Amino acid sequence: AELCLDWYWPHVSSKPVDDRARDEFMAAWHDVLQLVQTSQPVWVLR
């Protein structure tokens, strides 16, 4: 997910992503991605 900040952000914005925005991005994703950790995983071909 962080690839969005490292590559897409510079593609659409002339200013670099600041630390606060990056930290909030990572924290928000961390919270929601906990919901997809499963005890019965399958092969994910991606």
All heavy atoms as atom14 arrays in JSON, in Angstrom:
{
  "sequence": "AELCLDWYWPHVSSKPVDDRARDEFMAAWHDVLQLVQTSQPVWVLR",
  "atom14_mask": [
    [1, 1, 1, 1, 1, 0, 0, 0, 0, 0, 0, 0, 0, 0],
    [1, 1, 1, 1, 1, 1, 1, 1, 1, 0, 0, 0, 0, 0],
    [1, 1, 1, 1, 1, 1, 1, 1, 0, 0, 0, 0, 0, 0],
    [1, 1, 1, 1, 1, 1, 0, 0, 0, 0, 0, 0, 0, 0],
    [1, 1, 1, 1, 1, 1, 1, 1, 0, 0, 0, 0, 0, 0],
    [1, 1, 1, 1, 1, 1, 1, 1, 0, 0, 0, 0, 0, 0],
    [1, 1, 1, 1, 1, 1, 1, 1, 1, 1, 1, 1, 1, 1],
    [1, 1, 1, 1, 1, 1, 1, 1, 1, 1, 1, 1, 0, 0],
    [1, 1, 1, 1, 1, 1, 1, 1, 1, 1, 1, 1, 1, 1],
    [1, 1, 1, 1, 1, 1, 1, 0, 0, 0, 0, 0, 0, 0],
    [1, 1, 1, 1, 1, 1, 1, 1, 1, 1, 0, 0, 0, 0],
    [1, 1, 1, 1, 1, 1, 1, 0, 0, 0, 0, 0, 0, 0],
    [1, 1, 1, 1, 1, 1, 0, 0, 0, 0, 0, 0, 0, 0],
    [1, 1, 1, 1, 1, 1, 0, 0, 0, 0, 0, 0, 0, 0],
    [1, 1, 1, 1, 1, 1, 1, 1, 1, 0, 0, 0, 0, 0],
    [1, 1, 1, 1, 1, 1, 1, 0, 0, 0, 0, 0, 0, 0],
    [1, 1, 1, 1, 1, 1, 1, 0, 0, 0, 0, 0, 0, 0],
    [1, 1, 1, 1, 1, 1, 1, 1, 0, 0, 0, 0, 0, 0],
    [1, 1, 1, 1, 1, 1, 1, 1, 0, 0, 0, 0, 0, 0],
    [1, 1, 1, 1, 1, 1, 1, 1, 1, 1, 1, 0, 0, 0],
    [1, 1, 1, 1, 1, 0, 0, 0, 0, 0, 0, 0, 0, 0],
    [1, 1, 1, 1, 1, 1, 1, 1, 1, 1, 1, 0, 0, 0],
    [1, 1, 1, 1, 1, 1, 1, 1, 0, 0, 0, 0, 0, 0],
    [1, 1, 1, 1, 1, 1, 1, 1, 1, 0, 0, 0, 0, 0],
    [1, 1, 1, 1, 1, 1, 1, 1, 1, 1, 1, 0, 0, 0],
    [1, 1, 1, 1, 1, 1, 1, 1, 0, 0, 0, 0, 0, 0],
    [1, 1, 1, 1, 1, 0, 0, 0, 0, 0, 0, 0, 0, 0],
    [1, 1, 1, 1, 1, 0, 0, 0, 0, 0, 0, 0, 0, 0],
    [1, 1, 1, 1, 1, 1, 1, 1, 1, 1, 1, 1, 1, 1],
    [1, 1, 1, 1, 1, 1, 1, 1, 1, 1, 0, 0, 0, 0],
    [1, 1, 1, 1, 1, 1, 1, 1, 0, 0, 0, 0, 0, 0],
    [1, 1, 1, 1, 1, 1, 1, 0, 0, 0, 0, 0, 0, 0],
    [1, 1, 1, 1, 1, 1, 1, 1, 0, 0, 0, 0, 0, 0],
    [1, 1, 1, 1, 1, 1, 1, 1, 1, 0, 0, 0, 0, 0],
    [1, 1, 1, 1, 1, 1, 1, 1, 0, 0, 0, 0, 0, 0],
    [1, 1, 1, 1, 1, 1, 1, 0, 0, 0, 0, 0, 0, 0],
    [1, 1, 1, 1, 1, 1, 1, 1, 1, 0, 0, 0, 0, 0],
    [1, 1, 1, 1, 1, 1, 1, 0, 0, 0, 0, 0, 0, 0],
    [1, 1, 1, 1, 1, 1, 0, 0, 0, 0, 0, 0, 0, 0],
    [1, 1, 1, 1, 1, 1, 1, 1, 1, 0, 0, 0, 0, 0],
    [1, 1, 1, 1, 1, 1, 1, 0, 0, 0, 0, 0, 0, 0],
    [1, 1, 1, 1, 1, 1, 1, 0, 0, 0, 0, 0, 0, 0],
    [1, 1, 1, 1, 1, 1, 1, 1, 1, 1, 1, 1, 1, 1],
    [1, 1, 1, 1, 1, 1, 1, 0, 0, 0, 0, 0, 0, 0],
    [1, 1, 1, 1, 1, 1, 1, 1, 0, 0, 0, 0, 0, 0],
    [1, 1, 1, 1, 1, 1, 1, 1, 1, 1, 1, 0, 0, 0]
  ],
  "atom14_positions": [
    [[0.83, -1.21, 0.0], [0.0, 0.0, 0.0], [0.86, 1.26, 0.0], [0.51, 2.27, -0.63], [-0.94, 0.0, 1.21], [0.0, 0.0, 0.0], [0.0, 0.0, 0.0], [0.0, 0.0, 0.0], [0.0, 0.0, 0.0], [0.0, 0.0, 0.0], [0.0, 0.0, 0.0], [0.0, 0.0, 0.0], [0.0, 0.0, 0.0], [0.0, 0.0, 0.0]],
    [[2.0, 1.19, 0.66], [2.88, 2.36, 0.77], [3.48, 2.77, -0.57], [3.97, 3.91, -0.72], [3.98, 2.08, 1.78], [4.67, 3.33, 2.31], [5.63, 3.03, 3.44], [5.86, 1.84, 3.76], [6.16, 4.0, 4.02], [0.0, 0.0, 0.0], [0.0, 0.0, 0.0], [0.0, 0.0, 0.0], [0.0, 0.0, 0.0], [0.0, 0.0, 0.0]],
    [[3.44, 1.88, -1.56], [3.89, 2.26, -2.9], [3.11, 3.47, -3.42], [3.63, 4.25, -4.22], [3.72, 1.09, -3.87], [4.64, -0.12, -3.68], [4.23, -1.24, -4.63], [6.09, 0.28, -3.92], [0.0, 0.0, 0.0], [0.0, 0.0, 0.0], [0.0, 0.0, 0.0], [0.0, 0.0, 0.0], [0.0, 0.0, 0.0], [0.0, 0.0, 0.0]],
    [[1.88, 3.6, -2.97], [1.07, 4.76, -3.39], [1.73, 6.07, -2.97], [1.74, 7.04, -3.73], [-0.33, 4.64, -2.79], [-1.45, 5.99, -3.2], [0.0, 0.0, 0.0], [0.0, 0.0, 0.0], [0.0, 0.0, 0.0], [0.0, 0.0, 0.0], [0.0, 0.0, 0.0], [0.0, 0.0, 0.0], [0.0, 0.0, 0.0], [0.0, 0.0, 0.0]],
    [[2.28, 6.09, -1.76], [2.95, 7.31, -1.28], [4.28, 7.53, -1.98], [4.65, 8.66, -2.29], [3.18, 7.2, 0.23], [1.95, 7.04, 1.13], [2.37, 7.03, 2.59], [0.93, 8.15, 0.87], [0.0, 0.0, 0.0], [0.0, 0.0, 0.0], [0.0, 0.0, 0.0], [0.0, 0.0, 0.0], [0.0, 0.0, 0.0], [0.0, 0.0, 0.0]],
    [[5.0, 6.44, -2.22], [6.35, 6.57, -2.77], [6.37, 6.9, -4.25], [7.31, 7.55, -4.72], [7.12, 5.27, -2.53], [7.33, 4.98, -1.05], [7.32, 5.93, -0.26], [7.49, 3.79, -0.69], [0.0, 0.0, 0.0], [0.0, 0.0, 0.0], [0.0, 0.0, 0.0], [0.0, 0.0, 0.0], [0.0, 0.0, 0.0], [0.0, 0.0, 0.0]],
    [[5.32, 6.47, -5.0], [5.37, 6.64, -6.45], [4.16, 7.37, -7.02], [4.3, 8.2, -7.92], [5.51, 5.27, -7.12], [6.82, 4.63, -6.81], [7.08, 3.7, -5.84], [8.08, 4.9, -7.44], [8.41, 3.37, -5.84], [9.05, 4.08, -6.81], [8.49, 5.73, -8.48], [10.4, 4.1, -7.19], [9.82, 5.74, -8.87], [10.75, 4.93, -8.22]],
    [[2.96, 7.07, -6.52], [1.79, 7.73, -7.08], [1.66, 9.16, -6.57], [1.28, 10.06, -7.32], [0.52, 6.93, -6.75], [-0.73, 7.53, -7.37], [-0.92, 7.47, -8.75], [-1.69, 8.15, -6.59], [-2.05, 8.02, -9.33], [-2.83, 8.7, -7.16], [-3.0, 8.63, -8.53], [-4.12, 9.18, -9.11], [0.0, 0.0, 0.0], [0.0, 0.0, 0.0]],
    [[1.96, 9.38, -5.3], [1.88, 10.74, -4.77], [2.73, 11.71, -5.6], [2.23, 12.76, -6.01], [2.3, 10.74, -3.3], [2.25, 12.09, -2.62], [3.0, 13.19, -2.91], [1.38, 12.49, -1.55], [2.69, 14.25, -2.1], [1.69, 13.85, -1.24], [0.42, 11.82, -0.81], [1.05, 14.54, -0.23], [-0.23, 12.53, 0.21], [0.08, 13.87, 0.49]],
    [[4.01, 11.4, -5.87], [4.78, 12.33, -6.71], [4.22, 12.47, -8.12], [4.48, 13.48, -8.79], [6.18, 11.68, -6.75], [6.23, 10.8, -5.56], [4.83, 10.29, -5.37], [0.0, 0.0, 0.0], [0.0, 0.0, 0.0], [0.0, 0.0, 0.0], [0.0, 0.0, 0.0], [0.0, 0.0, 0.0], [0.0, 0.0, 0.0], [0.0, 0.0, 0.0]],
    [[3.47, 11.47, -8.58], [2.89, 11.54, -9.92], [1.78, 12.58, -10.01], [1.58, 13.2, -11.06], [2.35, 10.16, -10.31], [1.68, 10.11, -11.65], [2.38, 10.18, -12.83], [0.36, 10.02, -11.99], [1.55, 10.13, -13.84], [0.31, 10.03, -13.36], [0.0, 0.0, 0.0], [0.0, 0.0, 0.0], [0.0, 0.0, 0.0], [0.0, 0.0, 0.0]],
    [[1.05, 12.77, -8.89], [-0.1, 13.68, -8.93], [0.13, 14.97, -8.15], [-0.65, 15.91, -8.29], [-1.37, 12.99, -8.39], [-1.71, 11.77, -9.22], [-1.21, 12.61, -6.93], [0.0, 0.0, 0.0], [0.0, 0.0, 0.0], [0.0, 0.0, 0.0], [0.0, 0.0, 0.0], [0.0, 0.0, 0.0], [0.0, 0.0, 0.0], [0.0, 0.0, 0.0]],
    [[1.19, 15.03, -7.34], [1.38, 16.2, -6.49], [2.81, 16.73, -6.63], [3.76, 15.96, -6.74], [1.11, 15.85, -5.02], [1.37, 16.95, -4.18], [0.0, 0.0, 0.0], [0.0, 0.0, 0.0], [0.0, 0.0, 0.0], [0.0, 0.0, 0.0], [0.0, 0.0, 0.0], [0.0, 0.0, 0.0], [0.0, 0.0, 0.0], [0.0, 0.0, 0.0]],
    [[2.93, 18.04, -6.61], [4.25, 18.66, -6.73], [4.96, 18.76, -5.38], [6.16, 19.02, -5.33], [4.12, 20.07, -7.32], [3.28, 20.88, -6.49], [0.0, 0.0, 0.0], [0.0, 0.0, 0.0], [0.0, 0.0, 0.0], [0.0, 0.0, 0.0], [0.0, 0.0, 0.0], [0.0, 0.0, 0.0], [0.0, 0.0, 0.0], [0.0, 0.0, 0.0]],
    [[4.24, 18.52, -4.29], [4.87, 18.61, -2.98], [5.04, 17.21, -2.38], [4.2, 16.33, -2.6], [4.03, 19.48, -2.04], [2.6, 19.02, -1.85], [1.83, 19.98, -0.95], [0.39, 19.49, -0.76], [-0.38, 20.39, 0.11], [0.0, 0.0, 0.0], [0.0, 0.0, 0.0], [0.0, 0.0, 0.0], [0.0, 0.0, 0.0], [0.0, 0.0, 0.0]],
    [[6.11, 16.99, -1.66], [6.36, 15.66, -1.08], [5.37, 15.35, 0.04], [4.83, 16.25, 0.68], [7.79, 15.75, -0.56], [7.99, 17.22, -0.28], [7.2, 17.94, -1.33], [0.0, 0.0, 0.0], [0.0, 0.0, 0.0], [0.0, 0.0, 0.0], [0.0, 0.0, 0.0], [0.0, 0.0, 0.0], [0.0, 0.0, 0.0], [0.0, 0.0, 0.0]],
    [[5.15, 14.07, 0.26], [4.29, 13.66, 1.37], [5.01, 13.94, 2.69], [6.19, 13.63, 2.83], [3.93, 12.16, 1.24], [5.15, 11.29, 1.2], [3.0, 11.73, 2.37], [0.0, 0.0, 0.0], [0.0, 0.0, 0.0], [0.0, 0.0, 0.0], [0.0, 0.0, 0.0], [0.0, 0.0, 0.0], [0.0, 0.0, 0.0], [0.0, 0.0, 0.0]],
    [[4.32, 14.56, 3.62], [4.97, 14.87, 4.89], [4.83, 13.7, 5.86], [4.06, 12.77, 5.65], [4.4, 16.15, 5.5], [2.9, 16.09, 5.76], [2.46, 15.15, 6.44], [2.18, 16.98, 5.28], [0.0, 0.0, 0.0], [0.0, 0.0, 0.0], [0.0, 0.0, 0.0], [0.0, 0.0, 0.0], [0.0, 0.0, 0.0], [0.0, 0.0, 0.0]],
    [[5.6, 13.75, 6.93], [5.64, 12.64, 7.88], [4.28, 12.38, 8.52], [3.9, 11.22, 8.75], [6.68, 12.91, 8.97], [8.1, 12.85, 8.44], [8.3, 12.29, 7.34], [9.01, 13.38, 9.11], [0.0, 0.0, 0.0], [0.0, 0.0, 0.0], [0.0, 0.0, 0.0], [0.0, 0.0, 0.0], [0.0, 0.0, 0.0], [0.0, 0.0, 0.0]],
    [[3.56, 13.46, 8.82], [2.26, 13.28, 9.46], [1.3, 12.52, 8.53], [0.62, 11.58, 8.96], [1.65, 14.64, 9.83], [0.29, 14.52, 10.53], [-0.33, 15.89, 10.78], [-0.74, 16.54, 9.55], [-1.91, 16.32, 8.94], [-2.78, 15.44, 9.43], [-2.22, 16.97, 7.83], [0.0, 0.0, 0.0], [0.0, 0.0, 0.0], [0.0, 0.0, 0.0]],
    [[1.26, 12.92, 7.28], [0.37, 12.26, 6.33], [0.76, 10.79, 6.15], [-0.1, 9.9, 6.09], [0.39, 12.98, 4.99], [0.0, 0.0, 0.0], [0.0, 0.0, 0.0], [0.0, 0.0, 0.0], [0.0, 0.0, 0.0], [0.0, 0.0, 0.0], [0.0, 0.0, 0.0], [0.0, 0.0, 0.0], [0.0, 0.0, 0.0], [0.0, 0.0, 0.0]],
    [[2.06, 10.51, 6.09], [2.51, 9.13, 5.94], [2.14, 8.3, 7.17], [1.65, 7.17, 7.04], [4.02, 9.08, 5.7], [4.57, 7.66, 5.45], [6.07, 7.69, 5.2], [6.4, 8.31, 3.94], [6.47, 7.66, 2.78], [6.21, 6.35, 2.73], [6.8, 8.3, 1.67], [0.0, 0.0, 0.0], [0.0, 0.0, 0.0], [0.0, 0.0, 0.0]],
    [[2.36, 8.85, 8.35], [2.04, 8.11, 9.57], [0.55, 7.81, 9.66], [0.14, 6.7, 10.06], [2.5, 8.89, 10.79], [4.01, 8.95, 10.93], [4.71, 8.17, 10.25], [4.51, 9.81, 11.69], [0.0, 0.0, 0.0], [0.0, 0.0, 0.0], [0.0, 0.0, 0.0], [0.0, 0.0, 0.0], [0.0, 0.0, 0.0], [0.0, 0.0, 0.0]],
    [[-0.27, 8.79, 9.31], [-1.73, 8.58, 9.36], [-2.17, 7.54, 8.32], [-3.06, 6.73, 8.58], [-2.45, 9.91, 9.12], [-2.29, 10.9, 10.27], [-2.92, 12.25, 9.97], [-3.32, 12.46, 8.78], [-3.0, 13.09, 10.87], [0.0, 0.0, 0.0], [0.0, 0.0, 0.0], [0.0, 0.0, 0.0], [0.0, 0.0, 0.0], [0.0, 0.0, 0.0]],
    [[-1.55, 7.57, 7.16], [-1.85, 6.6, 6.11], [-1.55, 5.19, 6.61], [-2.39, 4.28, 6.5], [-0.99, 6.93, 4.88], [-1.1, 5.97, 3.72], [-2.03, 6.19, 2.71], [-0.25, 4.88, 3.62], [-2.12, 5.32, 1.63], [-0.33, 4.0, 2.54], [-1.27, 4.22, 1.55], [0.0, 0.0, 0.0], [0.0, 0.0, 0.0], [0.0, 0.0, 0.0]],
    [[-0.36, 5.0, 7.17], [0.04, 3.67, 7.62], [-0.83, 3.2, 8.8], [-1.2, 2.03, 8.88], [1.51, 3.68, 8.02], [2.47, 4.05, 6.88], [2.39, 2.91, 5.49], [3.21, 1.47, 6.19], [0.0, 0.0, 0.0], [0.0, 0.0, 0.0], [0.0, 0.0, 0.0], [0.0, 0.0, 0.0], [0.0, 0.0, 0.0], [0.0, 0.0, 0.0]],
    [[-1.17, 4.11, 9.69], [-1.99, 3.73, 10.84], [-3.4, 3.33, 10.39], [-3.97, 2.35, 10.9], [-2.07, 4.89, 11.83], [0.0, 0.0, 0.0], [0.0, 0.0, 0.0], [0.0, 0.0, 0.0], [0.0, 0.0, 0.0], [0.0, 0.0, 0.0], [0.0, 0.0, 0.0], [0.0, 0.0, 0.0], [0.0, 0.0, 0.0], [0.0, 0.0, 0.0]],
    [[-3.97, 4.08, 9.45], [-5.31, 3.76, 8.98], [-5.33, 2.38, 8.31], [-6.22, 1.56, 8.55], [-5.8, 4.84, 8.01], [0.0, 0.0, 0.0], [0.0, 0.0, 0.0], [0.0, 0.0, 0.0], [0.0, 0.0, 0.0], [0.0, 0.0, 0.0], [0.0, 0.0, 0.0], [0.0, 0.0, 0.0], [0.0, 0.0, 0.0], [0.0, 0.0, 0.0]],
    [[-4.34, 2.13, 7.46], [-4.3, 0.83, 6.79], [-4.03, -0.29, 7.79], [-4.6, -1.39, 7.66], [-3.23, 0.83, 5.7], [-3.73, 1.35, 4.38], [-3.35, 2.49, 3.73], [-4.73, 0.75, 3.56], [-4.05, 2.63, 2.56], [-4.9, 1.57, 2.42], [-5.5, -0.4, 3.67], [-5.81, 1.27, 1.41], [-6.42, -0.72, 2.66], [-6.56, 0.12, 1.54]],
    [[-3.18, -0.06, 8.75], [-2.88, -1.1, 9.73], [-4.16, -1.54, 10.46], [-4.4, -2.73, 10.67], [-1.84, -0.6, 10.73], [-1.42, -1.64, 11.73], [-2.12, -1.89, 12.9], [-0.37, -2.5, 11.74], [-1.52, -2.84, 13.57], [-0.46, -3.24, 12.89], [0.0, 0.0, 0.0], [0.0, 0.0, 0.0], [0.0, 0.0, 0.0], [0.0, 0.0, 0.0]],
    [[-4.99, -0.57, 10.82], [-6.21, -0.9, 11.54], [-7.16, -1.75, 10.7], [-7.71, -2.75, 11.18], [-6.91, 0.38, 11.98], [-6.17, 1.1, 13.11], [-5.3, 0.45, 13.74], [-6.46, 2.28, 13.36], [0.0, 0.0, 0.0], [0.0, 0.0, 0.0], [0.0, 0.0, 0.0], [0.0, 0.0, 0.0], [0.0, 0.0, 0.0], [0.0, 0.0, 0.0]],
    [[-7.36, -1.36, 9.44], [-8.36, -2.09, 8.63], [-7.8, -3.43, 8.16], [-8.57, -4.41, 8.02], [-8.85, -1.25, 7.43], [-9.51, 0.02, 7.92], [-7.74, -0.95, 6.45], [0.0, 0.0, 0.0], [0.0, 0.0, 0.0], [0.0, 0.0, 0.0], [0.0, 0.0, 0.0], [0.0, 0.0, 0.0], [0.0, 0.0, 0.0], [0.0, 0.0, 0.0]],
    [[-6.5, -3.52, 7.92], [-5.94, -4.78, 7.43], [-5.94, -5.88, 8.48], [-5.83, -7.07, 8.15], [-4.52, -4.56, 6.89], [-4.45, -3.8, 5.56], [-3.01, -3.43, 5.22], [-5.06, -4.63, 4.42], [0.0, 0.0, 0.0], [0.0, 0.0, 0.0], [0.0, 0.0, 0.0], [0.0, 0.0, 0.0], [0.0, 0.0, 0.0], [0.0, 0.0, 0.0]],
    [[-6.09, -5.5, 9.73], [-6.23, -6.53, 10.76], [-7.48, -7.36, 10.54], [-7.55, -8.53, 10.97], [-6.26, -5.88, 12.14], [-4.93, -5.24, 12.56], [-4.95, -4.8, 14.0], [-5.02, -5.62, 14.91], [-4.88, -3.5, 14.22], [0.0, 0.0, 0.0], [0.0, 0.0, 0.0], [0.0, 0.0, 0.0], [0.0, 0.0, 0.0], [0.0, 0.0, 0.0]],
    [[-8.47, -6.79, 9.86], [-9.73, -7.5, 9.63], [-9.61, -8.6, 8.59], [-10.53, -9.43, 8.46], [-10.81, -6.5, 9.19], [-11.12, -5.36, 10.18], [-12.14, -4.41, 9.57], [-11.65, -5.94, 11.5], [0.0, 0.0, 0.0], [0.0, 0.0, 0.0], [0.0, 0.0, 0.0], [0.0, 0.0, 0.0], [0.0, 0.0, 0.0], [0.0, 0.0, 0.0]],
    [[-8.52, -8.62, 7.83], [-8.4, -9.63, 6.77], [-7.37, -10.7, 7.12], [-7.07, -11.57, 6.3], [-8.04, -8.99, 5.41], [-9.1, -8.0, 5.0], [-6.67, -8.33, 5.44], [0.0, 0.0, 0.0], [0.0, 0.0, 0.0], [0.0, 0.0, 0.0], [0.0, 0.0, 0.0], [0.0, 0.0, 0.0], [0.0, 0.0, 0.0], [0.0, 0.0, 0.0]],
    [[-6.82, -10.66, 8.31], [-5.94, -11.74, 8.75], [-6.82, -12.95, 9.1], [-7.73, -12.84, 9.92], [-5.12, -11.31, 9.95], [-4.25, -10.07, 9.69], [-3.29, -10.25, 8.54], [-2.52, -11.21, 8.5], [-3.31, -9.34, 7.58], [0.0, 0.0, 0.0], [0.0, 0.0, 0.0], [0.0, 0.0, 0.0], [0.0, 0.0, 0.0], [0.0, 0.0, 0.0]],
    [[-6.57, -14.07, 8.47], [-7.46, -15.22, 8.6], [-6.72, -16.43, 9.16], [-5.54, -16.64, 8.89], [-8.07, -15.59, 7.24], [-8.86, -16.77, 7.37], [-7.0, -15.82, 6.18], [0.0, 0.0, 0.0], [0.0, 0.0, 0.0], [0.0, 0.0, 0.0], [0.0, 0.0, 0.0], [0.0, 0.0, 0.0], [0.0, 0.0, 0.0], [0.0, 0.0, 0.0]],
    [[-7.45, -17.22, 9.92], [-6.88, -18.44, 10.49], [-6.99, -19.62, 9.53], [-6.46, -20.7, 9.78], [-7.58, -18.79, 11.8], [-8.97, -19.01, 11.57], [0.0, 0.0, 0.0], [0.0, 0.0, 0.0], [0.0, 0.0, 0.0], [0.0, 0.0, 0.0], [0.0, 0.0, 0.0], [0.0, 0.0, 0.0], [0.0, 0.0, 0.0], [0.0, 0.0, 0.0]],
    [[-7.71, -19.43, 8.41], [-7.86, -20.47, 7.4], [-7.44, -19.93, 6.04], [-8.27, -19.73, 5.15], [-9.3, -20.97, 7.36], [-9.76, -21.65, 8.65], [-11.19, -22.1, 8.57], [-12.1, -21.33, 8.27], [-11.41, -23.38, 8.85], [0.0, 0.0, 0.0], [0.0, 0.0, 0.0], [0.0, 0.0, 0.0], [0.0, 0.0, 0.0], [0.0, 0.0, 0.0]],
    [[-6.15, -19.68, 5.88], [-5.69, -19.08, 4.62], [-5.73, -20.06, 3.45], [-5.67, -21.28, 3.63], [-4.24, -18.68, 4.94], [-3.8, -19.66, 5.98], [-5.03, -19.92, 6.81], [0.0, 0.0, 0.0], [0.0, 0.0, 0.0], [0.0, 0.0, 0.0], [0.0, 0.0, 0.0], [0.0, 0.0, 0.0], [0.0, 0.0, 0.0], [0.0, 0.0, 0.0]],
    [[-5.86, -19.5, 2.27], [-5.79, -20.28, 1.02], [-4.62, -19.74, 0.21], [-4.03, -18.71, 0.54], [-7.09, -20.15, 0.21], [-8.28, -20.62, 1.05], [-7.31, -18.72, -0.27], [0.0, 0.0, 0.0], [0.0, 0.0, 0.0], [0.0, 0.0, 0.0], [0.0, 0.0, 0.0], [0.0, 0.0, 0.0], [0.0, 0.0, 0.0], [0.0, 0.0, 0.0]],
    [[-4.29, -20.43, -0.87], [-3.28, -19.89, -1.76], [-3.87, -18.68, -2.49], [-4.93, -18.79, -3.13], [-2.86, -20.94, -2.77], [-1.8, -21.89, -2.26], [-1.49, -22.13, -0.97], [-0.94, -22.69, -3.06], [-0.48, -23.05, -0.89], [-0.12, -23.41, -2.16], [-0.78, -22.89, -4.42], [0.86, -24.31, -2.61], [0.18, -23.78, -4.86], [1.0, -24.48, -3.96]],
    [[-3.2, -17.56, -2.39], [-3.59, -16.33, -3.08], [-2.62, -16.13, -4.23], [-1.42, -15.96, -4.03], [-3.55, -15.12, -2.12], [-3.85, -13.83, -2.86], [-4.54, -15.32, -0.97], [0.0, 0.0, 0.0], [0.0, 0.0, 0.0], [0.0, 0.0, 0.0], [0.0, 0.0, 0.0], [0.0, 0.0, 0.0], [0.0, 0.0, 0.0], [0.0, 0.0, 0.0]],
    [[-3.14, -16.16, -5.46], [-2.27, -16.09, -6.64], [-1.85, -14.66, -6.96], [-0.91, -14.45, -7.72], [-2.97, -16.72, -7.84], [-3.4, -18.18, -7.62], [-4.02, -18.75, -8.89], [-2.23, -19.04, -7.17], [0.0, 0.0, 0.0], [0.0, 0.0, 0.0], [0.0, 0.0, 0.0], [0.0, 0.0, 0.0], [0.0, 0.0, 0.0], [0.0, 0.0, 0.0]],
    [[-2.57, -13.68, -6.42], [-2.23, -12.26, -6.45], [-2.49, -11.55, -7.78], [-2.86, -10.39, -7.79], [-0.76, -12.02, -6.05], [-0.51, -12.15, -4.58], [0.96, -12.16, -4.27], [1.37, -11.06, -3.42], [2.55, -10.96, -2.85], [3.48, -11.88, -3.06], [2.85, -9.94, -2.08], [0.0, 0.0, 0.0], [0.0, 0.0, 0.0], [0.0, 0.0, 0.0]]
  ]
}
